[in-house]
C-alpha cells in the first residue's frame, strides 16, 4: 500500500472495523453489528480480530498495528 498512509488499528471505530473485517473476507463468525456496536466489549472484540490478521492483509486494508497496544490488549 505504498504511497498511502496507513491507520493504526486503535484509531478505528466499531462501524469501520466491522466493515473492514467483512470486506476483507475475515468477517466469518461475527455477530450482527447491531448486537455489538453499543456494547463495551464490541470494539475491543473487533480490534482484536483485526490485530490477529497477518501483516500482508493489514497492509492491503491500509492498517498498521502501531506498537504493543495494537497487539490484542484492547480492553486493558
Protein backbone atom coordinates (compact mmCIF):
# COMPACT_ATOMS: atom_id res chain seq x y z
CA UNK A 1 0.00 0.00 0.00
CA UNK A 2 2.85 2.29 -0.75
CA UNK A 3 2.12 5.95 -1.24
CA UNK A 4 -0.90 5.91 1.06
CA UNK A 5 -0.94 6.50 4.77
CA UNK A 6 -1.94 3.59 6.91
CA UNK A 7 -4.08 3.95 10.00
CA UNK A 8 -3.42 2.34 13.33
CA UNK A 9 -5.91 -0.32 14.31
CA UNK A 10 -6.64 1.57 17.54
CA UNK A 11 -7.93 4.56 15.55
CA UNK A 12 -10.88 2.61 14.15
CA UNK A 13 -14.42 2.84 15.41
CA UNK A 14 -16.85 -0.06 15.63
CA UNK A 15 -18.57 0.52 12.29
CA UNK A 16 -15.32 0.91 10.39
CA UNK A 17 -13.63 -2.11 12.00
CA UNK A 18 -16.69 -4.25 11.30
CA UNK A 19 -16.83 -3.15 7.66
CA UNK A 20 -13.12 -3.82 7.15
CA UNK A 21 -13.42 -7.33 8.55
CA UNK A 22 -16.37 -8.10 6.31
CA UNK A 23 -14.84 -6.56 3.19
CA UNK A 24 -11.56 -8.40 3.71
CA UNK A 25 -13.23 -11.80 3.90
CA UNK A 26 -12.38 -12.20 7.60
CA UNK A 27 -15.84 -11.48 8.96
CA UNK A 28 -16.94 -15.07 9.37
CA UNK A 29 -18.46 -15.70 12.77
CA UNK A 30 -19.02 -12.02 13.55
CA UNK A 31 -22.18 -11.28 15.48
CA UNK A 32 -24.54 -8.81 13.82
CA UNK A 33 -23.27 -5.24 14.11
CA UNK A 34 -26.42 -4.19 15.95
CA UNK A 35 -25.64 -6.75 18.66
CA UNK A 36 -22.18 -5.38 19.46
CA UNK A 37 -21.99 -1.74 18.41
CA UNK A 38 -23.18 -0.38 21.75
CA UNK A 39 -21.54 -3.00 23.96
CA UNK A 40 -18.42 -2.17 25.96
CA UNK A 41 -16.67 -5.26 24.62
CA UNK A 42 -17.77 -4.83 20.98
CA UNK A 43 -14.98 -2.54 19.79
CA UNK A 44 -12.32 -4.49 21.68
CA UNK A 45 -13.53 -7.71 20.07
CA UNK A 46 -13.41 -6.26 16.56
CA UNK A 47 -10.00 -4.66 17.03
CA UNK A 48 -8.64 -7.93 18.40
CA UNK A 49 -9.89 -9.73 15.31
CA UNK A 50 -8.15 -7.17 13.09
CA UNK A 51 -4.96 -7.39 15.13
CA UNK A 52 -4.86 -11.14 14.56
CA UNK A 53 -4.63 -10.68 10.78
CA UNK A 54 -1.29 -11.12 9.06
CA UNK A 55 0.78 -8.09 8.03
CA UNK A 56 0.03 -8.50 4.34
CA UNK A 57 -3.72 -8.38 4.94
CA UNK A 58 -3.39 -5.37 7.24
CA UNK A 59 -1.33 -3.60 4.60
CA UNK A 60 -3.97 -4.34 1.96
CA UNK A 61 -6.59 -2.84 4.29
CA UNK A 62 -4.45 0.25 4.89
CA UNK A 63 -3.85 -0.62 8.54
CA UNK A 64 -0.89 -0.99 10.84
CA UNK A 65 -0.53 -2.30 14.35
CA UNK A 66 1.43 0.69 15.61
CA UNK A 67 3.03 -0.82 18.74
CA UNK A 68 2.38 -3.03 21.72
CA UNK A 69 -1.04 -1.52 22.38
CA UNK A 70 -2.22 -2.76 19.00
CA UNK A 71 -1.29 -6.39 19.61
CA UNK A 72 -4.51 -7.54 21.19
CA UNK A 73 -4.69 -5.84 24.60
CA UNK A 74 -7.56 -3.55 23.72
CA UNK A 75 -9.60 -3.90 26.88
CA UNK A 76 -6.73 -3.41 29.32
